[in-house]
Amino acid sequence: MALKLFADVDITVICIVRKQEQVDILSALGQKYIADSSKEDFKQVMAKYSAELNPTVALDAIAGEATGELLTFMGMNSTVIVYGLLSYKNSTNIDPLFLMGRD
């Protein structure tokens, strides 16, 4: 549902999943940018997508270390909206420079 809404307003989405099964489902739905966090090349794939798309907003259902990791792929003056706690951990691994908005 959310992917359809984003597509309707021309917002490109980078989907982050944990299983090949989820990659297959999203691919079948027409998603182009899918990163599987269980794969060894996850960080390289995210770096490539980030360089290409320059994302500025992330929706984080996981929290924990995922929040800080998302910020590193997004760059300065970006926003991460944490709306879930699937990791059962507080958001961590956040570089203070990202919070100050400076390089």
C-alpha atoms as a PDB file:
ATOM      1  CA  MET A   1       0.000   0.000   0.000  1.00  0.00           C
ATOM      2  CA  ALA A   2       2.685   2.517   0.993  1.00  0.00           C
ATOM      3  CA  LEU A   3       4.769   1.668  -2.073  1.00  0.00           C
ATOM      4  CA  LYS A   4       1.795   2.451  -4.321  1.00  0.00           C
ATOM      5  CA  LEU A   5       1.265   5.798  -2.574  1.00  0.00           C
ATOM      6  CA  PHE A   6       4.931   6.727  -2.973  1.00  0.00           C
ATOM      7  CA  ALA A   7       4.869   5.729  -6.650  1.00  0.00           C
ATOM      8  CA  ASP A   8       1.743   7.835  -7.207  1.00  0.00           C
ATOM      9  CA  VAL A   9       3.593  10.966  -6.037  1.00  0.00           C
ATOM     10  CA  ASP A  10       6.854  10.047  -7.808  1.00  0.00           C
ATOM     11  CA  ILE A  11       8.891   9.228  -4.681  1.00  0.00           C
ATOM     12  CA  THR A  12      11.602   6.634  -5.238  1.00  0.00           C
ATOM     13  CA  VAL A  13      11.914   4.097  -2.419  1.00  0.00           C
ATOM     14  CA  ILE A  14      14.914   2.048  -1.326  1.00  0.00           C
ATOM     15  CA  CYS A  15      13.455  -1.086   0.240  1.00  0.00           C
ATOM     16  CA  ILE A  16      15.573  -2.801   2.897  1.00  0.00           C
ATOM     17  CA  VAL A  17      14.645  -6.407   3.656  1.00  0.00           C
ATOM     18  CA  ARG A  18      16.209  -9.407   5.403  1.00  0.00           C
ATOM     19  CA  LYS A  19      15.320 -12.356   3.173  1.00  0.00           C
ATOM     20  CA  GLN A  20      15.544 -13.289  -0.504  1.00  0.00           C
ATOM     21  CA  GLU A  21      11.846 -14.156  -0.366  1.00  0.00           C
ATOM     22  CA  GLN A  22      11.090 -10.489   0.395  1.00  0.00           C
ATOM     23  CA  VAL A  23      13.386  -9.368  -2.437  1.00  0.00           C
ATOM     24  CA  ASP A  24      11.408 -11.587  -4.811  1.00  0.00           C
ATOM     25  CA  ILE A  25       8.065 -10.186  -3.660  1.00  0.00           C
ATOM     26  CA  LEU A  26       9.187  -6.573  -4.020  1.00  0.00           C
ATOM     27  CA  SER A  27      10.770  -7.278  -7.413  1.00  0.00           C
ATOM     28  CA  ALA A  28       7.478  -8.772  -8.586  1.00  0.00           C
ATOM     29  CA  LEU A  29       5.769  -5.552  -7.477  1.00  0.00           C
ATOM     30  CA  GLY A  30       8.137  -3.553  -9.667  1.00  0.00           C
ATOM     31  CA  GLN A  31      10.507  -2.190  -7.040  1.00  0.00           C
ATOM     32  CA  LYS A  32      13.908  -1.329  -8.507  1.00  0.00           C
ATOM     33  CA  TYR A  33      15.954  -0.461  -5.412  1.00  0.00           C
ATOM     34  CA  ILE A  34      16.006  -3.388  -2.986  1.00  0.00           C
ATOM     35  CA  ALA A  35      18.794  -4.104  -0.490  1.00  0.00           C
ATOM     36  CA  ASP A  36      18.930  -7.372   1.444  1.00  0.00           C
ATOM     37  CA  SER A  37      20.543  -6.701   4.836  1.00  0.00           C
ATOM     38  CA  SER A  38      21.391 -10.398   5.249  1.00  0.00           C
ATOM     39  CA  LYS A  39      23.749 -10.328   2.258  1.00  0.00           C
ATOM     40  CA  GLU A  40      27.484  -9.633   2.522  1.00  0.00           C
ATOM     41  CA  ASP A  41      27.288  -6.828  -0.032  1.00  0.00           C
ATOM     42  CA  PHE A  42      24.491  -4.955   1.781  1.00  0.00           C
ATOM     43  CA  LYS A  43      26.619  -1.919   2.657  1.00  0.00           C
ATOM     44  CA  GLN A  44      28.015  -1.678  -0.871  1.00  0.00           C
ATOM     45  CA  VAL A  45      24.517  -1.905  -2.375  1.00  0.00           C
ATOM     46  CA  MET A  46      23.213   0.774   0.001  1.00  0.00           C
ATOM     47  CA  ALA A  47      26.194   3.029  -0.752  1.00  0.00           C
ATOM     48  CA  LYS A  48      25.510   2.660  -4.481  1.00  0.00           C
ATOM     49  CA  TYR A  49      21.800   3.430  -4.108  1.00  0.00           C
ATOM     50  CA  SER A  50      22.538   6.359  -1.807  1.00  0.00           C
ATOM     51  CA  ALA A  51      25.019   7.875  -4.263  1.00  0.00           C
ATOM     52  CA  GLU A  52      22.529   7.480  -7.090  1.00  0.00           C
ATOM     53  CA  LEU A  53      19.379   8.675  -5.298  1.00  0.00           C
ATOM     54  CA  ASN A  54      20.651  10.968  -2.514  1.00  0.00           C
ATOM     55  CA  PRO A  55      17.896   9.936  -0.052  1.00  0.00           C
ATOM     56  CA  THR A  56      16.840  12.498   2.543  1.00  0.00           C
ATOM     57  CA  VAL A  57      14.135  10.652   4.523  1.00  0.00           C
ATOM     58  CA  ALA A  58      14.064   7.140   5.980  1.00  0.00           C
ATOM     59  CA  LEU A  59      11.291   5.260   7.739  1.00  0.00           C
ATOM     60  CA  ASP A  60      12.772   2.951  10.380  1.00  0.00           C
ATOM     61  CA  ALA A  61      10.637   0.174  11.883  1.00  0.00           C
ATOM     62  CA  ILE A  62      13.642  -1.615  13.399  1.00  0.00           C
ATOM     63  CA  ALA A  63      15.451   0.949  15.621  1.00  0.00           C
ATOM     64  CA  GLY A  64      18.548  -0.345  17.415  1.00  0.00           C
ATOM     65  CA  GLU A  65      21.723  -0.038  15.339  1.00  0.00           C
ATOM     66  CA  ALA A  66      19.664   0.246  12.144  1.00  0.00           C
ATOM     67  CA  THR A  67      18.888   3.906  12.861  1.00  0.00           C
ATOM     68  CA  GLY A  68      22.510   5.009  12.896  1.00  0.00           C
ATOM     69  CA  GLU A  69      23.311   2.836   9.912  1.00  0.00           C
ATOM     70  CA  LEU A  70      20.510   4.443   7.908  1.00  0.00           C
ATOM     71  CA  LEU A  71      21.884   7.885   8.689  1.00  0.00           C
ATOM     72  CA  THR A  72      25.334   6.965   7.396  1.00  0.00           C
ATOM     73  CA  PHE A  73      23.831   6.101   4.023  1.00  0.00           C
ATOM     74  CA  MET A  74      21.811   9.290   3.879  1.00  0.00           C
ATOM     75  CA  GLY A  75      24.246  12.041   4.695  1.00  0.00           C
ATOM     76  CA  MET A  76      23.863  15.362   6.420  1.00  0.00           C
ATOM     77  CA  ASN A  77      20.559  17.164   6.924  1.00  0.00           C
ATOM     78  CA  SER A  78      18.551  13.977   6.454  1.00  0.00           C
ATOM     79  CA  THR A  79      15.688  12.698   8.586  1.00  0.00           C
ATOM     80  CA  VAL A  80      15.082   9.245  10.002  1.00  0.00           C
ATOM     81  CA  ILE A  81      11.578   8.656  11.321  1.00  0.00           C
ATOM     82  CA  VAL A  82      11.619   5.798  13.834  1.00  0.00           C
ATOM     83  CA  TYR A  83       8.101   4.390  14.030  1.00  0.00           C
ATOM     84  CA  GLY A  84       8.768   0.913  15.376  1.00  0.00           C
ATOM     85  CA  LEU A  85      10.981  -1.059  17.716  1.00  0.00           C
ATOM     86  CA  LEU A  86      11.262  -4.462  16.041  1.00  0.00           C
ATOM     87  CA  SER A  87      14.798  -4.901  17.402  1.00  0.00           C
ATOM     88  CA  TYR A  88      13.521  -4.272  20.956  1.00  0.00           C
ATOM     89  CA  LYS A  89      16.486  -1.894  21.358  1.00  0.00           C
ATOM     90  CA  ASN A  90      16.798   1.861  21.551  1.00  0.00           C
ATOM     91  CA  SER A  91      18.180   3.624  18.498  1.00  0.00           C
ATOM     92  CA  THR A  92      21.990   3.601  18.680  1.00  0.00           C
ATOM     93  CA  ASN A  93      25.106   3.878  16.547  1.00  0.00           C
ATOM     94  CA  ILE A  94      24.306   7.494  15.661  1.00  0.00           C
ATOM     95  CA  ASP A  95      27.225   9.780  14.829  1.00  0.00           C
ATOM     96  CA  PRO A  96      26.656  13.097  16.680  1.00  0.00           C
ATOM     97  CA  LEU A  97      27.788  15.020  13.588  1.00  0.00           C
ATOM     98  CA  PHE A  98      24.636  13.857  11.796  1.00  0.00           C
ATOM     99  CA  LEU A  99      22.540  15.368  14.577  1.00  0.00           C
ATOM    100  CA  MET A 100      24.353  18.685  14.274  1.00  0.00           C
ATOM    101  CA  GLY A 101      23.965  18.765  10.491  1.00  0.00           C
ATOM    102  CA  ARG A 102      27.659  19.390   9.780  1.00  0.00           C
ATOM    103  CA  ASP A 103      30.199  17.633   7.575  1.00  0.00           C
END
